[in-house]
Amino acid sequence: MNTAKRAAVLGSPIAHSLSPVLHRAAYAELGLTDWTYGRFDVDEAALPGFFKGLDASWAGLSLTMPLKRAVIPLLDEISATARSVEAVNTVVITDGGRRIGDNTDIPGVVAALRERGLEEVGTAAILGAGATASSALAALAGICSGPVTVFVRSEARAGEMRDWGGRLGVEVRIADWADADRALEAPLVIATTPAGATDFLAPRVPDRPGTLFDVLYAPWPTSLAAAWGKHGGAVVSGLDLLLHQAVLQVERMTGCAPAPLGAMRAAGERALKETGV
């Protein structure tokens, strides 16, 4: 396993990514001393050229915005999980040079919730309707037995989420963003919005909240997450998601399982502390 191999995270912007910290910590723990993991600022226009430069030293790629859909035409194969949301965040490059796309965000959501003791739920609410929301909906398809209410700002996004629900076999109910405080009563709330978007909900957290999964990790805690915790609710962070999806990436790219979750978590927490977020 000490044959020199390369992996990296691609996206634009990318300087903030914690992926190198997590993957390098895994390599160190696994004894993969010849493996390297880099970071490259690559947008949609530059992606085909980057792929042309991949040689036999490459084991895999992590992809973030705006590449998760742009990469699909460049792949030899795509997993059913990735196809279910038309989003690839992981490319495994085989010894024969085949490029296989996968999505570890979806099982990463499930694993992060399971770590907090939540394995199934009757209903759920999603705040936001972007790309992350579709992955959250796909994860809920496996653990939520009832309807999922999605709080959106635009009718266009509402239509997209209804379509995803139909494809994924999830009953999606649409609600207006102005009524987002209604989401707080759900046993599971997944916040997929940018920093600051849910701050107005913090004073409205109920006395006995369920579980909040806030996909942000910097700055942390968000106002909503802090209020949720003060009221005794379980909180899952974006770092938890980043960790669990990275664990799956490491396992797929290196062939080493299980990946060292503890060492990766410690490295991620240390990096966030050092940046002061």
C-alpha atoms as a PDB file:
ATOM      1  CA  MET A   1       0.000   0.000   0.000  1.00  0.00           C
ATOM      2  CA  ASN A   2       3.013   2.338   0.045  1.00  0.00           C
ATOM      3  CA  THR A   3       3.024   2.746  -3.745  1.00  0.00           C
ATOM      4  CA  ALA A   4       2.998   6.516  -4.350  1.00  0.00           C
ATOM      5  CA  LYS A   5      -0.496   7.746  -5.127  1.00  0.00           C
ATOM      6  CA  ARG A   6      -2.136  11.144  -5.477  1.00  0.00           C
ATOM      7  CA  ALA A   7      -5.568  12.477  -4.566  1.00  0.00           C
ATOM      8  CA  ALA A   8      -6.976  15.983  -4.276  1.00  0.00           C
ATOM      9  CA  VAL A   9     -10.042  18.143  -3.778  1.00  0.00           C
ATOM     10  CA  LEU A  10     -11.219  20.302  -6.685  1.00  0.00           C
ATOM     11  CA  GLY A  11     -13.587  23.257  -6.665  1.00  0.00           C
ATOM     12  CA  SER A  12     -13.790  27.029  -6.894  1.00  0.00           C
ATOM     13  CA  PRO A  13     -13.283  28.654  -4.473  1.00  0.00           C
ATOM     14  CA  ILE A  14     -11.305  25.957  -2.665  1.00  0.00           C
ATOM     15  CA  ALA A  15      -8.838  27.641  -0.275  1.00  0.00           C
ATOM     16  CA  HIS A  16     -11.194  27.114   2.687  1.00  0.00           C
ATOM     17  CA  SER A  17     -11.534  23.349   2.214  1.00  0.00           C
ATOM     18  CA  LEU A  18     -10.760  21.101   5.188  1.00  0.00           C
ATOM     19  CA  SER A  19     -10.534  18.021   2.980  1.00  0.00           C
ATOM     20  CA  PRO A  20      -6.705  18.028   2.794  1.00  0.00           C
ATOM     21  CA  VAL A  21      -6.502  18.105   6.593  1.00  0.00           C
ATOM     22  CA  LEU A  22      -8.853  15.136   6.936  1.00  0.00           C
ATOM     23  CA  HIS A  23      -7.397  12.968   4.178  1.00  0.00           C
ATOM     24  CA  ARG A  24      -3.779  13.597   5.171  1.00  0.00           C
ATOM     25  CA  ALA A  25      -4.612  12.677   8.769  1.00  0.00           C
ATOM     26  CA  ALA A  26      -6.101   9.423   7.494  1.00  0.00           C
ATOM     27  CA  TYR A  27      -3.039   8.646   5.377  1.00  0.00           C
ATOM     28  CA  ALA A  28      -0.739   9.229   8.356  1.00  0.00           C
ATOM     29  CA  GLU A  29      -2.810   6.945  10.584  1.00  0.00           C
ATOM     30  CA  LEU A  30      -3.018   4.243   7.917  1.00  0.00           C
ATOM     31  CA  GLY A  31       0.711   4.331   7.225  1.00  0.00           C
ATOM     32  CA  LEU A  32       0.270   5.484   3.621  1.00  0.00           C
ATOM     33  CA  THR A  33       3.495   7.464   3.717  1.00  0.00           C
ATOM     34  CA  ASP A  34       3.793   7.817  -0.065  1.00  0.00           C
ATOM     35  CA  TRP A  35       0.257   9.138  -0.560  1.00  0.00           C
ATOM     36  CA  THR A  36      -0.375  12.853  -1.094  1.00  0.00           C
ATOM     37  CA  TYR A  37      -3.589  14.882  -1.069  1.00  0.00           C
ATOM     38  CA  GLY A  38      -3.723  18.325  -2.661  1.00  0.00           C
ATOM     39  CA  ARG A  39      -6.108  21.195  -3.305  1.00  0.00           C
ATOM     40  CA  PHE A  40      -6.753  22.724  -6.751  1.00  0.00           C
ATOM     41  CA  ASP A  41      -8.913  25.698  -7.693  1.00  0.00           C
ATOM     42  CA  VAL A  42     -10.764  24.364 -10.729  1.00  0.00           C
ATOM     43  CA  ASP A  43     -13.979  25.727 -12.198  1.00  0.00           C
ATOM     44  CA  GLU A  44     -16.358  24.101 -14.694  1.00  0.00           C
ATOM     45  CA  ALA A  45     -14.492  25.433 -17.727  1.00  0.00           C
ATOM     46  CA  ALA A  46     -11.141  24.109 -16.505  1.00  0.00           C
ATOM     47  CA  LEU A  47     -12.370  20.697 -15.386  1.00  0.00           C
ATOM     48  CA  PRO A  48     -12.032  18.808 -18.723  1.00  0.00           C
ATOM     49  CA  GLY A  49      -8.446  20.004 -19.078  1.00  0.00           C
ATOM     50  CA  PHE A  50      -7.616  18.910 -15.543  1.00  0.00           C
ATOM     51  CA  PHE A  51      -9.021  15.454 -16.275  1.00  0.00           C
ATOM     52  CA  LYS A  52      -6.867  15.154 -19.396  1.00  0.00           C
ATOM     53  CA  GLY A  53      -3.794  15.611 -17.210  1.00  0.00           C
ATOM     54  CA  LEU A  54      -4.623  12.739 -14.834  1.00  0.00           C
ATOM     55  CA  ASP A  55      -2.138   9.884 -15.058  1.00  0.00           C
ATOM     56  CA  ALA A  56      -1.645   6.495 -13.376  1.00  0.00           C
ATOM     57  CA  SER A  57      -0.443   8.129 -10.149  1.00  0.00           C
ATOM     58  CA  TRP A  58      -3.935   9.394  -9.363  1.00  0.00           C
ATOM     59  CA  ALA A  59      -6.206   7.387  -7.035  1.00  0.00           C
ATOM     60  CA  GLY A  60      -9.123   9.745  -6.671  1.00  0.00           C
ATOM     61  CA  LEU A  61     -10.695  13.180  -6.445  1.00  0.00           C
ATOM     62  CA  SER A  62     -13.038  14.938  -4.051  1.00  0.00           C
ATOM     63  CA  LEU A  63     -15.327  17.454  -5.737  1.00  0.00           C
ATOM     64  CA  THR A  64     -17.110  20.454  -4.313  1.00  0.00           C
ATOM     65  CA  MET A  65     -19.067  23.288  -5.905  1.00  0.00           C
ATOM     66  CA  PRO A  66     -19.450  23.993  -8.780  1.00  0.00           C
ATOM     67  CA  LEU A  67     -18.235  20.637 -10.119  1.00  0.00           C
ATOM     68  CA  LYS A  68     -20.598  18.012  -8.740  1.00  0.00           C
ATOM     69  CA  ARG A  69     -22.731  17.899 -11.874  1.00  0.00           C
ATOM     70  CA  ALA A  70     -20.220  19.223 -14.394  1.00  0.00           C
ATOM     71  CA  VAL A  71     -18.020  16.161 -13.839  1.00  0.00           C
ATOM     72  CA  ILE A  72     -20.623  13.578 -14.856  1.00  0.00           C
ATOM     73  CA  PRO A  73     -19.950  13.642 -18.653  1.00  0.00           C
ATOM     74  CA  LEU A  74     -16.241  13.051 -17.957  1.00  0.00           C
ATOM     75  CA  LEU A  75     -16.782   9.765 -16.101  1.00  0.00           C
ATOM     76  CA  ASP A  76     -16.737   6.156 -17.257  1.00  0.00           C
ATOM     77  CA  GLU A  77     -19.250   5.049 -14.651  1.00  0.00           C
ATOM     78  CA  ILE A  78     -21.500   6.577 -11.998  1.00  0.00           C
ATOM     79  CA  SER A  79     -22.985   4.891  -8.936  1.00  0.00           C
ATOM     80  CA  ALA A  80     -26.720   4.594  -8.377  1.00  0.00           C
ATOM     81  CA  THR A  81     -26.373   6.800  -5.300  1.00  0.00           C
ATOM     82  CA  ALA A  82     -24.780   9.620  -7.291  1.00  0.00           C
ATOM     83  CA  ARG A  83     -27.217   9.210 -10.155  1.00  0.00           C
ATOM     84  CA  SER A  84     -30.177   9.500  -7.783  1.00  0.00           C
ATOM     85  CA  VAL A  85     -29.364  13.186  -7.240  1.00  0.00           C
ATOM     86  CA  GLU A  86     -27.251  13.803 -10.365  1.00  0.00           C
ATOM     87  CA  ALA A  87     -24.349  14.884  -8.159  1.00  0.00           C
ATOM     88  CA  VAL A  88     -20.863  13.388  -7.813  1.00  0.00           C
ATOM     89  CA  ASN A  89     -18.566  14.419  -4.967  1.00  0.00           C
ATOM     90  CA  THR A  90     -16.131  11.495  -5.290  1.00  0.00           C
ATOM     91  CA  VAL A  91     -14.191  10.109  -8.250  1.00  0.00           C
ATOM     92  CA  VAL A  92     -12.280   6.863  -7.800  1.00  0.00           C
ATOM     93  CA  ILE A  93      -9.625   6.197 -10.432  1.00  0.00           C
ATOM     94  CA  THR A  94      -8.952   2.491 -10.855  1.00  0.00           C
ATOM     95  CA  ASP A  95      -5.597   0.888 -11.658  1.00  0.00           C
ATOM     96  CA  GLY A  96      -6.901   0.459 -15.183  1.00  0.00           C
ATOM     97  CA  GLY A  97      -7.633   4.171 -15.462  1.00  0.00           C
ATOM     98  CA  ARG A  98     -11.428   4.044 -15.240  1.00  0.00           C
ATOM     99  CA  ARG A  99     -13.018   7.046 -13.558  1.00  0.00           C
ATOM    100  CA  ILE A 100     -15.937   6.065 -11.357  1.00  0.00           C
ATOM    101  CA  GLY A 101     -18.211   8.711  -9.840  1.00  0.00           C
ATOM    102  CA  ASP A 102     -19.904   8.300  -6.478  1.00  0.00           C
ATOM    103  CA  ASN A 103     -21.689  10.408  -3.874  1.00  0.00           C
ATOM    104  CA  THR A 104     -20.559  10.030  -0.264  1.00  0.00           C
ATOM    105  CA  ASP A 105     -22.585  13.028   0.966  1.00  0.00           C
ATOM    106  CA  ILE A 106     -25.765  10.957   1.076  1.00  0.00           C
ATOM    107  CA  PRO A 107     -24.473   8.043   3.201  1.00  0.00           C
ATOM    108  CA  GLY A 108     -22.423  10.646   5.101  1.00  0.00           C
ATOM    109  CA  VAL A 109     -25.624  12.335   6.283  1.00  0.00           C
ATOM    110  CA  VAL A 110     -27.017   8.990   7.418  1.00  0.00           C
ATOM    111  CA  ALA A 111     -23.795   8.045   9.231  1.00  0.00           C
ATOM    112  CA  ALA A 112     -23.543  11.423  10.986  1.00  0.00           C
ATOM    113  CA  LEU A 113     -27.127  11.117  12.257  1.00  0.00           C
ATOM    114  CA  ARG A 114     -26.580   7.508  13.317  1.00  0.00           C
ATOM    115  CA  GLU A 115     -23.552   8.590  15.349  1.00  0.00           C
ATOM    116  CA  ARG A 116     -25.926  10.840  17.329  1.00  0.00           C
ATOM    117  CA  GLY A 117     -28.340   7.966  17.871  1.00  0.00           C
ATOM    118  CA  LEU A 118     -30.894   8.837  15.188  1.00  0.00           C
ATOM    119  CA  GLU A 119     -31.487   5.937  12.826  1.00  0.00           C
ATOM    120  CA  GLU A 120     -35.060   6.574  11.731  1.00  0.00           C
ATOM    121  CA  VAL A 121     -37.641   9.329  12.002  1.00  0.00           C
ATOM    122  CA  GLY A 122     -41.321   9.752  11.217  1.00  0.00           C
ATOM    123  CA  THR A 123     -41.167  13.217   9.649  1.00  0.00           C
ATOM    124  CA  ALA A 124     -38.510  15.823   8.927  1.00  0.00           C
ATOM    125  CA  ALA A 125     -38.038  19.400   7.748  1.00  0.00           C
ATOM    126  CA  ILE A 126     -35.416  20.844   5.391  1.00  0.00           C
ATOM    127  CA  LEU A 127     -34.502  24.523   5.441  1.00  0.00           C
ATOM    128  CA  GLY A 128     -33.412  25.541   1.943  1.00  0.00           C
ATOM    129  CA  ALA A 129     -33.649  23.887  -1.457  1.00  0.00           C
ATOM    130  CA  GLY A 130     -30.203  23.969  -3.073  1.00  0.00           C
ATOM    131  CA  ALA A 131     -27.861  21.161  -4.073  1.00  0.00           C
ATOM    132  CA  THR A 132     -27.199  20.143  -0.468  1.00  0.00           C
ATOM    133  CA  ALA A 133     -30.939  19.915   0.152  1.00  0.00           C
ATOM    134  CA  SER A 134     -31.314  17.323  -2.610  1.00  0.00           C
ATOM    135  CA  SER A 135     -28.620  15.160  -0.982  1.00  0.00           C
ATOM    136  CA  ALA A 136     -30.362  15.578   2.375  1.00  0.00           C
ATOM    137  CA  LEU A 137     -33.627  14.493   0.774  1.00  0.00           C
ATOM    138  CA  ALA A 138     -31.928  11.421  -0.683  1.00  0.00           C
ATOM    139  CA  ALA A 139     -30.584  10.522   2.749  1.00  0.00           C
ATOM    140  CA  LEU A 140     -34.042  10.954   4.268  1.00  0.00           C
ATOM    141  CA  ALA A 141     -35.440   8.546   1.678  1.00  0.00           C
ATOM    142  CA  GLY A 142     -33.769   5.762   3.641  1.00  0.00           C
ATOM    143  CA  ILE A 143     -34.551   6.848   7.212  1.00  0.00           C
ATOM    144  CA  CYS A 144     -37.779   8.905   7.143  1.00  0.00           C
ATOM    145  CA  SER A 145     -41.060   7.002   6.993  1.00  0.00           C
ATOM    146  CA  GLY A 146     -43.337  10.026   6.540  1.00  0.00           C
ATOM    147  CA  PRO A 147     -43.433  13.365   4.717  1.00  0.00           C
ATOM    148  CA  VAL A 148     -40.570  15.844   4.479  1.00  0.00           C
ATOM    149  CA  THR A 149     -41.495  19.536   4.563  1.00  0.00           C
ATOM    150  CA  VAL A 150     -39.133  21.770   2.599  1.00  0.00           C
ATOM    151  CA  PHE A 151     -39.073  25.497   3.326  1.00  0.00           C
ATOM    152  CA  VAL A 152     -38.200  27.465   0.188  1.00  0.00           C
ATOM    153  CA  ARG A 153     -37.936  31.045  -1.043  1.00  0.00           C
ATOM    154  CA  SER A 154     -38.912  30.525  -4.688  1.00  0.00           C
ATOM    155  CA  GLU A 155     -41.478  28.576  -6.635  1.00  0.00           C
ATOM    156  CA  ALA A 156     -38.770  27.362  -9.014  1.00  0.00           C
ATOM    157  CA  ARG A 157     -36.908  25.707  -6.147  1.00  0.00           C
ATOM    158  CA  ALA A 158     -40.205  24.308  -4.874  1.00  0.00           C
ATOM    159  CA  GLY A 159     -40.743  22.589  -8.207  1.00  0.00           C
ATOM    160  CA  GLU A 160     -37.231  21.164  -8.162  1.00  0.00           C
ATOM    161  CA  MET A 161     -37.706  19.689  -4.701  1.00  0.00           C
ATOM    162  CA  ARG A 162     -41.042  18.162  -5.693  1.00  0.00           C
ATOM    163  CA  ASP A 163     -39.304  16.557  -8.670  1.00  0.00           C
ATOM    164  CA  TRP A 164     -36.529  15.183  -6.451  1.00  0.00           C
ATOM    165  CA  GLY A 165     -39.106  13.817  -4.046  1.00  0.00           C
ATOM    166  CA  GLY A 166     -40.852  12.001  -6.891  1.00  0.00           C
ATOM    167  CA  ARG A 167     -37.589  10.508  -8.118  1.00  0.00           C
ATOM    168  CA  LEU A 168     -36.485   9.477  -4.640  1.00  0.00           C
ATOM    169  CA  GLY A 169     -39.842   8.145  -3.436  1.00  0.00           C
ATOM    170  CA  VAL A 170     -40.196  10.784  -0.707  1.00  0.00           C
ATOM    171  CA  GLU A 171     -43.417  12.668   0.010  1.00  0.00           C
ATOM    172  CA  VAL A 172     -42.331  16.310  -0.229  1.00  0.00           C
ATOM    173  CA  ARG A 173     -44.485  19.086   1.168  1.00  0.00           C
ATOM    174  CA  ILE A 174     -43.545  22.654   0.277  1.00  0.00           C
ATOM    175  CA  ALA A 175     -43.791  25.549   2.726  1.00  0.00           C
ATOM    176  CA  ASP A 176     -42.911  29.219   2.390  1.00  0.00           C
ATOM    177  CA  TRP A 177     -39.663  30.484   3.895  1.00  0.00           C
ATOM    178  CA  ALA A 178     -41.678  33.108   5.802  1.00  0.00           C
ATOM    179  CA  ASP A 179     -43.119  30.243   7.858  1.00  0.00           C
ATOM    180  CA  ALA A 180     -39.754  28.610   8.588  1.00  0.00           C
ATOM    181  CA  ASP A 181     -40.334  28.721  12.345  1.00  0.00           C
ATOM    182  CA  ARG A 182     -42.826  25.879  11.793  1.00  0.00           C
ATOM    183  CA  ALA A 183     -39.873  23.661  10.876  1.00  0.00           C
ATOM    184  CA  LEU A 184     -38.542  23.830  14.422  1.00  0.00           C
ATOM    185  CA  GLU A 185     -41.270  21.501  15.704  1.00  0.00           C
ATOM    186  CA  ALA A 186     -40.120  18.627  13.471  1.00  0.00           C
ATOM    187  CA  PRO A 187     -38.263  15.726  15.131  1.00  0.00           C
ATOM    188  CA  LEU A 188     -35.420  16.278  12.624  1.00  0.00           C
ATOM    189  CA  VAL A 189     -34.508  19.623  11.064  1.00  0.00           C
ATOM    190  CA  ILE A 190     -31.813  19.822   8.373  1.00  0.00           C
ATOM    191  CA  ALA A 191     -30.546  23.352   7.717  1.00  0.00           C
ATOM    192  CA  THR A 192     -28.864  23.603   4.301  1.00  0.00           C
ATOM    193  CA  THR A 193     -28.719  27.403   4.018  1.00  0.00           C
ATOM    194  CA  PRO A 194     -25.729  29.805   3.926  1.00  0.00           C
ATOM    195  CA  ALA A 195     -24.263  31.403   7.045  1.00  0.00           C
ATOM    196  CA  GLY A 196     -26.661  33.801   8.741  1.00  0.00           C
ATOM    197  CA  ALA A 197     -29.781  32.675   6.892  1.00  0.00           C
ATOM    198  CA  THR A 198     -31.318  30.900   9.904  1.00  0.00           C
ATOM    199  CA  ASP A 199     -30.177  33.329  12.627  1.00  0.00           C
ATOM    200  CA  PHE A 200     -33.699  34.758  12.932  1.00  0.00           C
ATOM    201  CA  LEU A 201     -34.939  31.338  14.051  1.00  0.00           C
ATOM    202  CA  ALA A 202     -32.633  31.101  17.079  1.00  0.00           C
ATOM    203  CA  PRO A 203     -35.008  32.917  19.495  1.00  0.00           C
ATOM    204  CA  ARG A 204     -37.871  30.667  18.373  1.00  0.00           C
ATOM    205  CA  VAL A 205     -36.362  27.267  19.229  1.00  0.00           C
ATOM    206  CA  PRO A 206     -38.936  25.300  21.251  1.00  0.00           C
ATOM    207  CA  ASP A 207     -38.325  24.115  24.796  1.00  0.00           C
ATOM    208  CA  ARG A 208     -37.956  20.484  23.745  1.00  0.00           C
ATOM    209  CA  PRO A 209     -36.394  20.428  20.288  1.00  0.00           C
ATOM    210  CA  GLY A 210     -35.590  17.256  18.402  1.00  0.00           C
ATOM    211  CA  THR A 211     -32.407  16.913  16.334  1.00  0.00           C
ATOM    212  CA  LEU A 212     -30.851  19.710  14.293  1.00  0.00           C
ATOM    213  CA  PHE A 213     -28.453  18.915  11.460  1.00  0.00           C
ATOM    214  CA  ASP A 214     -26.821  22.195  10.411  1.00  0.00           C
ATOM    215  CA  VAL A 215     -24.556  21.598   7.409  1.00  0.00           C
ATOM    216  CA  LEU A 216     -22.302  24.584   8.204  1.00  0.00           C
ATOM    217  CA  TYR A 217     -19.056  24.164  10.130  1.00  0.00           C
ATOM    218  CA  ALA A 218     -17.496  27.621   9.921  1.00  0.00           C
ATOM    219  CA  PRO A 219     -18.356  29.780  11.717  1.00  0.00           C
ATOM    220  CA  TRP A 220     -19.516  27.379  14.411  1.00  0.00           C
ATOM    221  CA  PRO A 221     -21.777  27.176  16.222  1.00  0.00           C
ATOM    222  CA  THR A 222     -24.373  28.979  14.165  1.00  0.00           C
ATOM    223  CA  SER A 223     -26.877  31.031  16.147  1.00  0.00           C
ATOM    224  CA  LEU A 224     -29.500  28.355  15.523  1.00  0.00           C
ATOM    225  CA  ALA A 225     -27.208  25.516  16.608  1.00  0.00           C
ATOM    226  CA  ALA A 226     -26.202  27.362  19.777  1.00  0.00           C
ATOM    227  CA  ALA A 227     -29.826  28.016  20.744  1.00  0.00           C
ATOM    228  CA  TRP A 228     -30.755  24.427  19.893  1.00  0.00           C
ATOM    229  CA  GLY A 229     -28.083  23.068  22.200  1.00  0.00           C
ATOM    230  CA  LYS A 230     -29.092  25.397  25.039  1.00  0.00           C
ATOM    231  CA  HIS A 231     -32.603  23.953  24.859  1.00  0.00           C
ATOM    232  CA  GLY A 232     -31.258  20.422  25.143  1.00  0.00           C
ATOM    233  CA  GLY A 233     -31.668  19.345  21.529  1.00  0.00           C
ATOM    234  CA  ALA A 234     -29.182  17.112  19.728  1.00  0.00           C
ATOM    235  CA  VAL A 235     -27.008  18.972  17.221  1.00  0.00           C
ATOM    236  CA  VAL A 236     -25.141  17.505  14.251  1.00  0.00           C
ATOM    237  CA  SER A 237     -22.692  19.852  12.531  1.00  0.00           C
ATOM    238  CA  GLY A 238     -21.324  20.288   9.057  1.00  0.00           C
ATOM    239  CA  LEU A 239     -18.001  18.992  10.361  1.00  0.00           C
ATOM    240  CA  ASP A 240     -19.746  15.719  11.229  1.00  0.00           C
ATOM    241  CA  LEU A 241     -20.986  15.484   7.642  1.00  0.00           C
ATOM    242  CA  LEU A 242     -17.599  16.436   6.210  1.00  0.00           C
ATOM    243  CA  LEU A 243     -15.929  13.787   8.352  1.00  0.00           C
ATOM    244  CA  HIS A 244     -18.273  10.939   7.518  1.00  0.00           C
ATOM    245  CA  GLN A 245     -18.284  11.611   3.786  1.00  0.00           C
ATOM    246  CA  ALA A 246     -14.464  11.895   3.886  1.00  0.00           C
ATOM    247  CA  VAL A 247     -14.193   8.583   5.730  1.00  0.00           C
ATOM    248  CA  LEU A 248     -16.049   6.922   2.861  1.00  0.00           C
ATOM    249  CA  GLN A 249     -13.867   8.696   0.310  1.00  0.00           C
ATOM    250  CA  VAL A 250     -10.675   7.498   2.003  1.00  0.00           C
ATOM    251  CA  GLU A 251     -11.967   3.930   2.076  1.00  0.00           C
ATOM    252  CA  ARG A 252     -12.966   3.981  -1.592  1.00  0.00           C
ATOM    253  CA  MET A 253      -9.777   5.640  -2.831  1.00  0.00           C
ATOM    254  CA  THR A 254      -7.252   3.679  -0.734  1.00  0.00           C
ATOM    255  CA  GLY A 255      -9.024   0.355  -0.269  1.00  0.00           C
ATOM    256  CA  CYS A 256      -8.286   0.605   3.476  1.00  0.00           C
ATOM    257  CA  ALA A 257     -11.268   0.140   5.777  1.00  0.00           C
ATOM    258  CA  PRO A 258     -12.226   1.264   8.267  1.00  0.00           C
ATOM    259  CA  ALA A 259     -10.791   4.736   7.822  1.00  0.00           C
ATOM    260  CA  PRO A 260      -9.586   6.357  11.088  1.00  0.00           C
ATOM    261  CA  LEU A 261     -12.576   8.536  12.005  1.00  0.00           C
ATOM    262  CA  GLY A 262     -11.117   9.550  15.368  1.00  0.00           C
ATOM    263  CA  ALA A 263      -7.825  10.793  13.954  1.00  0.00           C
ATOM    264  CA  MET A 264      -9.606  12.617  11.163  1.00  0.00           C
ATOM    265  CA  ARG A 265     -12.025  14.295  13.589  1.00  0.00           C
ATOM    266  CA  ALA A 266      -9.182  15.421  15.843  1.00  0.00           C
ATOM    267  CA  ALA A 267      -7.317  16.898  12.873  1.00  0.00           C
ATOM    268  CA  GLY A 268     -10.420  18.720  11.638  1.00  0.00           C
ATOM    269  CA  GLU A 269     -11.260  20.163  15.047  1.00  0.00           C
ATOM    270  CA  ARG A 270      -7.662  21.275  15.507  1.00  0.00           C
ATOM    271  CA  ALA A 271      -7.630  23.003  12.129  1.00  0.00           C
ATOM    272  CA  LEU A 272     -10.868  24.859  12.864  1.00  0.00           C
ATOM    273  CA  LYS A 273      -9.550  25.951  16.258  1.00  0.00           C
ATOM    274  CA  GLU A 274      -6.363  27.261  14.679  1.00  0.00           C
ATOM    275  CA  THR A 275      -8.326  29.339  12.182  1.00  0.00           C
ATOM    276  CA  GLY A 276     -10.429  30.796  15.006  1.00  0.00           C
ATOM    277  CA  VAL A 277     -13.824  29.919  13.539  1.00  0.00           C
END
